[in-house]
Amino acid sequence: MALAGPQTPDRPALFQILFALQDNKTPTLDITGARSRFHRQHYLDLPLELHAEFWPHDDGGLWMTLYHQPDIAEATAKQLAANFTRALGEISR
């Protein structure tokens, strides 16, 4: 529960969050004479309140995407993202 913070009546439990640590690299498209850039599409529908994904980055780090349902306060989503980032940094040392 440390990632979600203290349990309160107005805040659902951590199981309302989908957390995915991906291990596939960003796809590339090589076309002679053209430049391309991969764009990860947003999810159209979320089965849970928050969806956090971490993807490998070219520099060896991770790229995080965090999607949330409209009724979740953006501040809450940002705080959870900061907590995920801090926790991943601590376990990767």
PDB file of N, CA and C in Angstrom:
ATOM      1  N   MET A   1       0.799  -1.193   0.000  1.00  0.00           N
ATOM      2  CA  MET A   1       0.000   0.000   0.000  1.00  0.00           C
ATOM      3  C   MET A   1       0.847   1.264   0.000  1.00  0.00           C
ATOM      4  N   ALA A   2       2.154   1.151   0.164  1.00  0.00           N
ATOM      5  CA  ALA A   2       2.994   2.343   0.233  1.00  0.00           C
ATOM      6  C   ALA A   2       2.929   3.159  -1.049  1.00  0.00           C
ATOM      7  N   LEU A   3       2.805   2.517  -2.200  1.00  0.00           N
ATOM      8  CA  LEU A   3       2.742   3.257  -3.451  1.00  0.00           C
ATOM      9  C   LEU A   3       1.475   4.084  -3.558  1.00  0.00           C
ATOM     10  N   ALA A   4       0.379   3.582  -3.033  1.00  0.00           N
ATOM     11  CA  ALA A   4      -0.894   4.288  -3.126  1.00  0.00           C
ATOM     12  C   ALA A   4      -1.064   5.298  -2.011  1.00  0.00           C
ATOM     13  N   GLY A   5      -0.247   5.225  -0.991  1.00  0.00           N
ATOM     14  CA  GLY A   5      -0.398   6.117   0.148  1.00  0.00           C
ATOM     15  C   GLY A   5      -1.369   5.506   1.146  1.00  0.00           C
ATOM     16  N   PRO A   6      -1.690   6.251   2.186  1.00  0.00           N
ATOM     17  CA  PRO A   6      -2.583   5.699   3.204  1.00  0.00           C
ATOM     18  C   PRO A   6      -3.995   5.462   2.649  1.00  0.00           C
ATOM     19  N   GLN A   7      -4.623   4.403   3.098  1.00  0.00           N
ATOM     20  CA  GLN A   7      -5.980   4.067   2.665  1.00  0.00           C
ATOM     21  C   GLN A   7      -6.968   5.030   3.316  1.00  0.00           C
ATOM     22  N   THR A   8      -7.821   5.626   2.530  1.00  0.00           N
ATOM     23  CA  THR A   8      -8.853   6.518   3.034  1.00  0.00           C
ATOM     24  C   THR A   8     -10.190   6.101   2.434  1.00  0.00           C
ATOM     25  N   PRO A   9     -11.284   6.502   3.045  1.00  0.00           N
ATOM     26  CA  PRO A   9     -12.600   6.113   2.498  1.00  0.00           C
ATOM     27  C   PRO A   9     -12.844   6.610   1.076  1.00  0.00           C
ATOM     28  N   ASP A  10     -12.239   7.741   0.694  1.00  0.00           N
ATOM     29  CA  ASP A  10     -12.477   8.279  -0.645  1.00  0.00           C
ATOM     30  C   ASP A  10     -11.459   7.816  -1.671  1.00  0.00           C
ATOM     31  N   ARG A  11     -10.476   6.996  -1.295  1.00  0.00           N
ATOM     32  CA  ARG A  11      -9.437   6.513  -2.207  1.00  0.00           C
ATOM     33  C   ARG A  11      -9.499   4.993  -2.302  1.00  0.00           C
ATOM     34  N   PRO A  12      -9.764   4.447  -3.495  1.00  0.00           N
ATOM     35  CA  PRO A  12      -9.818   2.990  -3.656  1.00  0.00           C
ATOM     36  C   PRO A  12      -8.463   2.327  -3.363  1.00  0.00           C
ATOM     37  N   ALA A  13      -8.495   1.045  -3.173  1.00  0.00           N
ATOM     38  CA  ALA A  13      -7.281   0.264  -2.896  1.00  0.00           C
ATOM     39  C   ALA A  13      -6.393   0.188  -4.136  1.00  0.00           C
ATOM     40  N   LEU A  14      -5.155  -0.268  -3.936  1.00  0.00           N
ATOM     41  CA  LEU A  14      -4.170  -0.341  -5.007  1.00  0.00           C
ATOM     42  C   LEU A  14      -4.616  -1.248  -6.154  1.00  0.00           C
ATOM     43  N   PHE A  15      -5.469  -2.233  -5.891  1.00  0.00           N
ATOM     44  CA  PHE A  15      -5.854  -3.154  -6.960  1.00  0.00           C
ATOM     45  C   PHE A  15      -6.669  -2.470  -8.057  1.00  0.00           C
ATOM     46  N   GLN A  16      -7.016  -1.199  -7.893  1.00  0.00           N
ATOM     47  CA  GLN A  16      -7.711  -0.437  -8.931  1.00  0.00           C
ATOM     48  C   GLN A  16      -6.743   0.075 -10.002  1.00  0.00           C
ATOM     49  N   ILE A  17      -5.454  -0.280  -9.869  1.00  0.00           N
ATOM     50  CA  ILE A  17      -4.410   0.220 -10.764  1.00  0.00           C
ATOM     51  C   ILE A  17      -3.808  -0.941 -11.550  1.00  0.00           C
ATOM     52  N   LEU A  18      -3.681  -0.756 -12.859  1.00  0.00           N
ATOM     53  CA  LEU A  18      -2.981  -1.724 -13.687  1.00  0.00           C
ATOM     54  C   LEU A  18      -1.556  -1.208 -13.873  1.00  0.00           C
ATOM     55  N   PHE A  19      -0.580  -2.004 -13.490  1.00  0.00           N
ATOM     56  CA  PHE A  19       0.831  -1.647 -13.584  1.00  0.00           C
ATOM     57  C   PHE A  19       1.495  -2.649 -14.503  1.00  0.00           C
ATOM     58  N   ALA A  20       2.158  -2.171 -15.566  1.00  0.00           N
ATOM     59  CA  ALA A  20       2.808  -3.068 -16.516  1.00  0.00           C
ATOM     60  C   ALA A  20       4.241  -2.611 -16.756  1.00  0.00           C
ATOM     61  N   LEU A  21       5.176  -3.505 -16.566  1.00  0.00           N
ATOM     62  CA  LEU A  21       6.578  -3.252 -16.883  1.00  0.00           C
ATOM     63  C   LEU A  21       6.866  -4.012 -18.174  1.00  0.00           C
ATOM     64  N   GLN A  22       6.931  -3.289 -19.284  1.00  0.00           N
ATOM     65  CA  GLN A  22       7.107  -3.896 -20.612  1.00  0.00           C
ATOM     66  C   GLN A  22       8.580  -4.201 -20.850  1.00  0.00           C
ATOM     67  N   ASP A  23       8.841  -5.205 -21.681  1.00  0.00           N
ATOM     68  CA  ASP A  23      10.235  -5.540 -21.991  1.00  0.00           C
ATOM     69  C   ASP A  23      10.516  -5.511 -23.494  1.00  0.00           C
ATOM     70  N   ASN A  24       9.598  -4.964 -24.274  1.00  0.00           N
ATOM     71  CA  ASN A  24       9.817  -4.899 -25.718  1.00  0.00           C
ATOM     72  C   ASN A  24      10.294  -3.497 -26.110  1.00  0.00           C
ATOM     73  N   LYS A  25      11.269  -3.445 -26.996  1.00  0.00           N
ATOM     74  CA  LYS A  25      11.838  -2.169 -27.429  1.00  0.00           C
ATOM     75  C   LYS A  25      10.876  -1.449 -28.380  1.00  0.00           C
ATOM     76  N   THR A  26      11.073  -0.146 -28.503  1.00  0.00           N
ATOM     77  CA  THR A  26      10.257   0.657 -29.408  1.00  0.00           C
ATOM     78  C   THR A  26      10.495   0.195 -30.846  1.00  0.00           C
ATOM     79  N   PRO A  27       9.438  -0.084 -31.596  1.00  0.00           N
ATOM     80  CA  PRO A  27       9.622  -0.527 -32.982  1.00  0.00           C
ATOM     81  C   PRO A  27      10.177   0.601 -33.854  1.00  0.00           C
ATOM     82  N   THR A  28      10.893   0.213 -34.891  1.00  0.00           N
ATOM     83  CA  THR A  28      11.427   1.190 -35.840  1.00  0.00           C
ATOM     84  C   THR A  28      10.915   0.866 -37.235  1.00  0.00           C
ATOM     85  N   LEU A  29      10.840   1.887 -38.062  1.00  0.00           N
ATOM     86  CA  LEU A  29      10.409   1.729 -39.448  1.00  0.00           C
ATOM     87  C   LEU A  29      11.433   2.453 -40.308  1.00  0.00           C
ATOM     88  N   ASP A  30      12.237   1.692 -41.040  1.00  0.00           N
ATOM     89  CA  ASP A  30      13.272   2.273 -41.896  1.00  0.00           C
ATOM     90  C   ASP A  30      12.752   2.374 -43.320  1.00  0.00           C
ATOM     91  N   ILE A  31      12.620   3.616 -43.799  1.00  0.00           N
ATOM     92  CA  ILE A  31      12.182   3.878 -45.172  1.00  0.00           C
ATOM     93  C   ILE A  31      13.227   4.785 -45.807  1.00  0.00           C
ATOM     94  N   THR A  32      13.797   4.338 -46.897  1.00  0.00           N
ATOM     95  CA  THR A  32      14.831   5.115 -47.568  1.00  0.00           C
ATOM     96  C   THR A  32      14.305   6.492 -47.944  1.00  0.00           C
ATOM     97  N   GLY A  33      15.041   7.519 -47.531  1.00  0.00           N
ATOM     98  CA  GLY A  33      14.684   8.897 -47.877  1.00  0.00           C
ATOM     99  C   GLY A  33      13.609   9.517 -46.997  1.00  0.00           C
ATOM    100  N   ALA A  34      13.196   8.811 -45.939  1.00  0.00           N
ATOM    101  CA  ALA A  34      12.146   9.361 -45.062  1.00  0.00           C
ATOM    102  C   ALA A  34      12.527   9.137 -43.607  1.00  0.00           C
ATOM    103  N   ARG A  35      12.016  10.000 -42.751  1.00  0.00           N
ATOM    104  CA  ARG A  35      12.197   9.827 -41.318  1.00  0.00           C
ATOM    105  C   ARG A  35      10.882   9.344 -40.728  1.00  0.00           C
ATOM    106  N   SER A  36      10.981   8.499 -39.743  1.00  0.00           N
ATOM    107  CA  SER A  36       9.771   8.030 -39.065  1.00  0.00           C
ATOM    108  C   SER A  36       9.983   8.093 -37.560  1.00  0.00           C
ATOM    109  N   ARG A  37       8.884   8.211 -36.852  1.00  0.00           N
ATOM    110  CA  ARG A  37       8.934   8.237 -35.393  1.00  0.00           C
ATOM    111  C   ARG A  37       7.741   7.463 -34.869  1.00  0.00           C
ATOM    112  N   PHE A  38       7.985   6.610 -33.902  1.00  0.00           N
ATOM    113  CA  PHE A  38       6.916   5.803 -33.321  1.00  0.00           C
ATOM    114  C   PHE A  38       6.064   6.663 -32.390  1.00  0.00           C
ATOM    115  N   HIS A  39       4.773   6.520 -32.499  1.00  0.00           N
ATOM    116  CA  HIS A  39       3.843   7.221 -31.613  1.00  0.00           C
ATOM    117  C   HIS A  39       2.964   6.181 -30.927  1.00  0.00           C
ATOM    118  N   ARG A  40       3.049   6.120 -29.607  1.00  0.00           N
ATOM    119  CA  ARG A  40       2.243   5.180 -28.838  1.00  0.00           C
ATOM    120  C   ARG A  40       0.843   5.765 -28.657  1.00  0.00           C
ATOM    121  N   GLN A  41      -0.155   5.048 -29.111  1.00  0.00           N
ATOM    122  CA  GLN A  41      -1.534   5.523 -29.042  1.00  0.00           C
ATOM    123  C   GLN A  41      -2.078   5.482 -27.621  1.00  0.00           C
ATOM    124  N   HIS A  42      -2.924   6.434 -27.290  1.00  0.00           N
ATOM    125  CA  HIS A  42      -3.608   6.432 -26.002  1.00  0.00           C
ATOM    126  C   HIS A  42      -4.672   5.341 -25.990  1.00  0.00           C
ATOM    127  N   TYR A  43      -4.965   4.829 -24.834  1.00  0.00           N
ATOM    128  CA  TYR A  43      -6.026   3.843 -24.697  1.00  0.00           C
ATOM    129  C   TYR A  43      -7.374   4.549 -24.767  1.00  0.00           C
ATOM    130  N   LEU A  44      -8.297   3.983 -25.507  1.00  0.00           N
ATOM    131  CA  LEU A  44      -9.615   4.588 -25.650  1.00  0.00           C
ATOM    132  C   LEU A  44     -10.507   4.320 -24.451  1.00  0.00           C
ATOM    133  N   ASP A  45     -10.281   3.205 -23.790  1.00  0.00           N
ATOM    134  CA  ASP A  45     -11.093   2.847 -22.632  1.00  0.00           C
ATOM    135  C   ASP A  45     -10.186   2.175 -21.608  1.00  0.00           C
ATOM    136  N   LEU A  46     -10.368   2.505 -20.357  1.00  0.00           N
ATOM    137  CA  LEU A  46      -9.572   1.914 -19.298  1.00  0.00           C
ATOM    138  C   LEU A  46     -10.469   1.079 -18.401  1.00  0.00           C
ATOM    139  N   PRO A  47     -10.119  -0.198 -18.177  1.00  0.00           N
ATOM    140  CA  PRO A  47     -10.944  -1.044 -17.317  1.00  0.00           C
ATOM    141  C   PRO A  47     -10.809  -0.704 -15.832  1.00  0.00           C
ATOM    142  N   LEU A  48      -9.718  -0.006 -15.482  1.00  0.00           N
ATOM    143  CA  LEU A  48      -9.459   0.384 -14.090  1.00  0.00           C
ATOM    144  C   LEU A  48      -9.247   1.891 -14.029  1.00  0.00           C
ATOM    145  N   GLU A  49      -9.126   2.409 -12.822  1.00  0.00           N
ATOM    146  CA  GLU A  49      -8.967   3.852 -12.669  1.00  0.00           C
ATOM    147  C   GLU A  49      -7.661   4.388 -13.242  1.00  0.00           C
ATOM    148  N   LEU A  50      -6.583   3.650 -13.043  1.00  0.00           N
ATOM    149  CA  LEU A  50      -5.269   4.077 -13.511  1.00  0.00           C
ATOM    150  C   LEU A  50      -4.592   2.955 -14.268  1.00  0.00           C
ATOM    151  N   HIS A  51      -3.819   3.322 -15.281  1.00  0.00           N
ATOM    152  CA  HIS A  51      -3.077   2.358 -16.082  1.00  0.00           C
ATOM    153  C   HIS A  51      -1.656   2.920 -16.212  1.00  0.00           C
ATOM    154  N   ALA A  52      -0.701   2.273 -15.571  1.00  0.00           N
ATOM    155  CA  ALA A  52       0.696   2.711 -15.602  1.00  0.00           C
ATOM    156  C   ALA A  52       1.531   1.689 -16.360  1.00  0.00           C
ATOM    157  N   GLU A  53       2.280   2.169 -17.343  1.00  0.00           N
ATOM    158  CA  GLU A  53       3.169   1.297 -18.110  1.00  0.00           C
ATOM    159  C   GLU A  53       4.565   1.901 -18.138  1.00  0.00           C
ATOM    160  N   PHE A  54       5.560   1.045 -18.046  1.00  0.00           N
ATOM    161  CA  PHE A  54       6.947   1.453 -18.151  1.00  0.00           C
ATOM    162  C   PHE A  54       7.555   0.700 -19.332  1.00  0.00           C
ATOM    163  N   TRP A  55       8.181   1.450 -20.238  1.00  0.00           N
ATOM    164  CA  TRP A  55       8.757   0.904 -21.465  1.00  0.00           C
ATOM    165  C   TRP A  55      10.257   1.165 -21.485  1.00  0.00           C
ATOM    166  N   PRO A  56      11.057   0.244 -22.083  1.00  0.00           N
ATOM    167  CA  PRO A  56      12.496   0.501 -22.191  1.00  0.00           C
ATOM    168  C   PRO A  56      12.759   1.721 -23.071  1.00  0.00           C
ATOM    169  N   HIS A  57      13.716   2.539 -22.657  1.00  0.00           N
ATOM    170  CA  HIS A  57      14.105   3.729 -23.416  1.00  0.00           C
ATOM    171  C   HIS A  57      15.469   3.466 -24.039  1.00  0.00           C
ATOM    172  N   ASP A  58      15.746   4.132 -25.157  1.00  0.00           N
ATOM    173  CA  ASP A  58      17.013   3.926 -25.868  1.00  0.00           C
ATOM    174  C   ASP A  58      18.244   4.201 -25.006  1.00  0.00           C
ATOM    175  N   ASP A  59      18.111   5.077 -24.007  1.00  0.00           N
ATOM    176  CA  ASP A  59      19.266   5.419 -23.164  1.00  0.00           C
ATOM    177  C   ASP A  59      19.477   4.433 -22.016  1.00  0.00           C
ATOM    178  N   GLY A  60      18.685   3.347 -21.988  1.00  0.00           N
ATOM    179  CA  GLY A  60      18.810   2.341 -20.934  1.00  0.00           C
ATOM    180  C   GLY A  60      17.868   2.553 -19.773  1.00  0.00           C
ATOM    181  N   GLY A  61      17.189   3.689 -19.751  1.00  0.00           N
ATOM    182  CA  GLY A  61      16.212   3.968 -18.702  1.00  0.00           C
ATOM    183  C   GLY A  61      14.827   3.455 -19.085  1.00  0.00           C
ATOM    184  N   LEU A  62      13.837   3.987 -18.422  1.00  0.00           N
ATOM    185  CA  LEU A  62      12.454   3.604 -18.685  1.00  0.00           C
ATOM    186  C   LEU A  62      11.624   4.833 -19.043  1.00  0.00           C
ATOM    187  N   TRP A  63      10.653   4.637 -19.910  1.00  0.00           N
ATOM    188  CA  TRP A  63       9.692   5.664 -20.281  1.00  0.00           C
ATOM    189  C   TRP A  63       8.366   5.273 -19.644  1.00  0.00           C
ATOM    190  N   MET A  64       7.758   6.184 -18.894  1.00  0.00           N
ATOM    191  CA  MET A  64       6.512   5.865 -18.212  1.00  0.00           C
ATOM    192  C   MET A  64       5.343   6.566 -18.883  1.00  0.00           C
ATOM    193  N   THR A  65       4.259   5.816 -19.046  1.00  0.00           N
ATOM    194  CA  THR A  65       2.993   6.408 -19.457  1.00  0.00           C
ATOM    195  C   THR A  65       1.986   6.098 -18.357  1.00  0.00           C
ATOM    196  N   LEU A  66       1.195   7.088 -18.023  1.00  0.00           N
ATOM    197  CA  LEU A  66       0.180   6.919 -16.994  1.00  0.00           C
ATOM    198  C   LEU A  66      -1.120   7.497 -17.513  1.00  0.00           C
ATOM    199  N   TYR A  67      -2.117   6.650 -17.634  1.00  0.00           N
ATOM    200  CA  TYR A  67      -3.436   7.067 -18.089  1.00  0.00           C
ATOM    201  C   TYR A  67      -4.391   6.933 -16.917  1.00  0.00           C
ATOM    202  N   HIS A  68      -5.358   7.828 -16.842  1.00  0.00           N
ATOM    203  CA  HIS A  68      -6.335   7.739 -15.767  1.00  0.00           C
ATOM    204  C   HIS A  68      -7.720   8.101 -16.281  1.00  0.00           C
ATOM    205  N   GLN A  69      -8.722   7.542 -15.637  1.00  0.00           N
ATOM    206  CA  GLN A  69     -10.092   7.860 -15.993  1.00  0.00           C
ATOM    207  C   GLN A  69     -10.374   9.311 -15.638  1.00  0.00           C
ATOM    208  N   PRO A  70     -11.298   9.953 -16.349  1.00  0.00           N
ATOM    209  CA  PRO A  70     -11.556  11.383 -16.124  1.00  0.00           C
ATOM    210  C   PRO A  70     -11.995  11.740 -14.709  1.00  0.00           C
ATOM    211  N   ASP A  71     -12.619  10.819 -13.991  1.00  0.00           N
ATOM    212  CA  ASP A  71     -13.091  11.163 -12.645  1.00  0.00           C
ATOM    213  C   ASP A  71     -12.000  11.066 -11.577  1.00  0.00           C
ATOM    214  N   ILE A  72     -10.791  10.663 -11.954  1.00  0.00           N
ATOM    215  CA  ILE A  72      -9.664  10.629 -11.024  1.00  0.00           C
ATOM    216  C   ILE A  72      -8.959  11.976 -11.094  1.00  0.00           C
ATOM    217  N   ALA A  73      -8.707  12.560  -9.958  1.00  0.00           N
ATOM    218  CA  ALA A  73      -8.028  13.855  -9.922  1.00  0.00           C
ATOM    219  C   ALA A  73      -6.635  13.726 -10.540  1.00  0.00           C
ATOM    220  N   GLU A  74      -6.267  14.675 -11.387  1.00  0.00           N
ATOM    221  CA  GLU A  74      -4.953  14.646 -12.015  1.00  0.00           C
ATOM    222  C   GLU A  74      -3.839  14.687 -10.974  1.00  0.00           C
ATOM    223  N   ALA A  75      -4.050  15.396  -9.889  1.00  0.00           N
ATOM    224  CA  ALA A  75      -3.047  15.452  -8.818  1.00  0.00           C
ATOM    225  C   ALA A  75      -2.816  14.065  -8.215  1.00  0.00           C
ATOM    226  N   THR A  76      -3.890  13.282  -8.060  1.00  0.00           N
ATOM    227  CA  THR A  76      -3.756  11.922  -7.536  1.00  0.00           C
ATOM    228  C   THR A  76      -2.947  11.063  -8.502  1.00  0.00           C
ATOM    229  N   ALA A  77      -3.245  11.168  -9.801  1.00  0.00           N
ATOM    230  CA  ALA A  77      -2.506  10.398 -10.804  1.00  0.00           C
ATOM    231  C   ALA A  77      -1.035  10.789 -10.807  1.00  0.00           C
ATOM    232  N   LYS A  78      -0.745  12.089 -10.714  1.00  0.00           N
ATOM    233  CA  LYS A  78       0.648  12.545 -10.710  1.00  0.00           C
ATOM    234  C   LYS A  78       1.385  12.075  -9.454  1.00  0.00           C
ATOM    235  N   GLN A  79       0.700  12.065  -8.315  1.00  0.00           N
ATOM    236  CA  GLN A  79       1.335  11.599  -7.083  1.00  0.00           C
ATOM    237  C   GLN A  79       1.657  10.108  -7.172  1.00  0.00           C
ATOM    238  N   LEU A  80       0.740   9.325  -7.723  1.00  0.00           N
ATOM    239  CA  LEU A  80       1.003   7.895  -7.895  1.00  0.00           C
ATOM    240  C   LEU A  80       2.157   7.678  -8.873  1.00  0.00           C
ATOM    241  N   ALA A  81       2.220   8.468  -9.940  1.00  0.00           N
ATOM    242  CA  ALA A  81       3.330   8.357 -10.894  1.00  0.00           C
ATOM    243  C   ALA A  81       4.657   8.653 -10.205  1.00  0.00           C
ATOM    244  N   ALA A  82       4.680   9.683  -9.377  1.00  0.00           N
ATOM    245  CA  ALA A  82       5.904  10.019  -8.638  1.00  0.00           C
ATOM    246  C   ALA A  82       6.283   8.889  -7.690  1.00  0.00           C
ATOM    247  N   ASN A  83       5.298   8.294  -7.040  1.00  0.00           N
ATOM    248  CA  ASN A  83       5.562   7.179  -6.122  1.00  0.00           C
ATOM    249  C   ASN A  83       6.097   5.962  -6.872  1.00  0.00           C
ATOM    250  N   PHE A  84       5.513   5.642  -8.035  1.00  0.00           N
ATOM    251  CA  PHE A  84       6.011   4.527  -8.854  1.00  0.00           C
ATOM    252  C   PHE A  84       7.459   4.788  -9.261  1.00  0.00           C
ATOM    253  N   THR A  85       7.739   5.994  -9.734  1.00  0.00           N
ATOM    254  CA  THR A  85       9.080   6.345 -10.201  1.00  0.00           C
ATOM    255  C   THR A  85      10.093   6.226  -9.067  1.00  0.00           C
ATOM    256  N   ARG A  86       9.744   6.756  -7.903  1.00  0.00           N
ATOM    257  CA  ARG A  86      10.646   6.672  -6.753  1.00  0.00           C
ATOM    258  C   ARG A  86      10.908   5.208  -6.369  1.00  0.00           C
ATOM    259  N   ALA A  87       9.849   4.394  -6.320  1.00  0.00           N
ATOM    260  CA  ALA A  87       9.990   2.994  -5.927  1.00  0.00           C
ATOM    261  C   ALA A  87      10.847   2.226  -6.930  1.00  0.00           C
ATOM    262  N   LEU A  88      10.647   2.465  -8.230  1.00  0.00           N
ATOM    263  CA  LEU A  88      11.464   1.792  -9.236  1.00  0.00           C
ATOM    264  C   LEU A  88      12.930   2.214  -9.135  1.00  0.00           C
ATOM    265  N   GLY A  89      13.164   3.492  -8.845  1.00  0.00           N
ATOM    266  CA  GLY A  89      14.535   3.964  -8.674  1.00  0.00           C
ATOM    267  C   GLY A  89      15.215   3.292  -7.489  1.00  0.00           C
ATOM    268  N   GLU A  90      14.464   3.084  -6.434  1.00  0.00           N
ATOM    269  CA  GLU A  90      15.038   2.465  -5.238  1.00  0.00           C
ATOM    270  C   GLU A  90      15.370   0.991  -5.460  1.00  0.00           C
ATOM    271  N   ILE A  91      14.523   0.268  -6.197  1.00  0.00           N
ATOM    272  CA  ILE A  91      14.797  -1.158  -6.398  1.00  0.00           C
ATOM    273  C   ILE A  91      15.810  -1.411  -7.508  1.00  0.00           C
ATOM    274  N   SER A  92      16.082  -0.411  -8.344  1.00  0.00           N
ATOM    275  CA  SER A  92      17.035  -0.629  -9.453  1.00  0.00           C
ATOM    276  C   SER A  92      18.465  -0.294  -9.055  1.00  0.00           C
ATOM    277  N   ARG A  93      18.680   0.144  -7.831  1.00  0.00           N
ATOM    278  CA  ARG A  93      20.043   0.472  -7.384  1.00  0.00           C
ATOM    279  C   ARG A  93      20.837  -0.739  -7.073  1.00  0.00           C
TER     280      ARG A  93
END
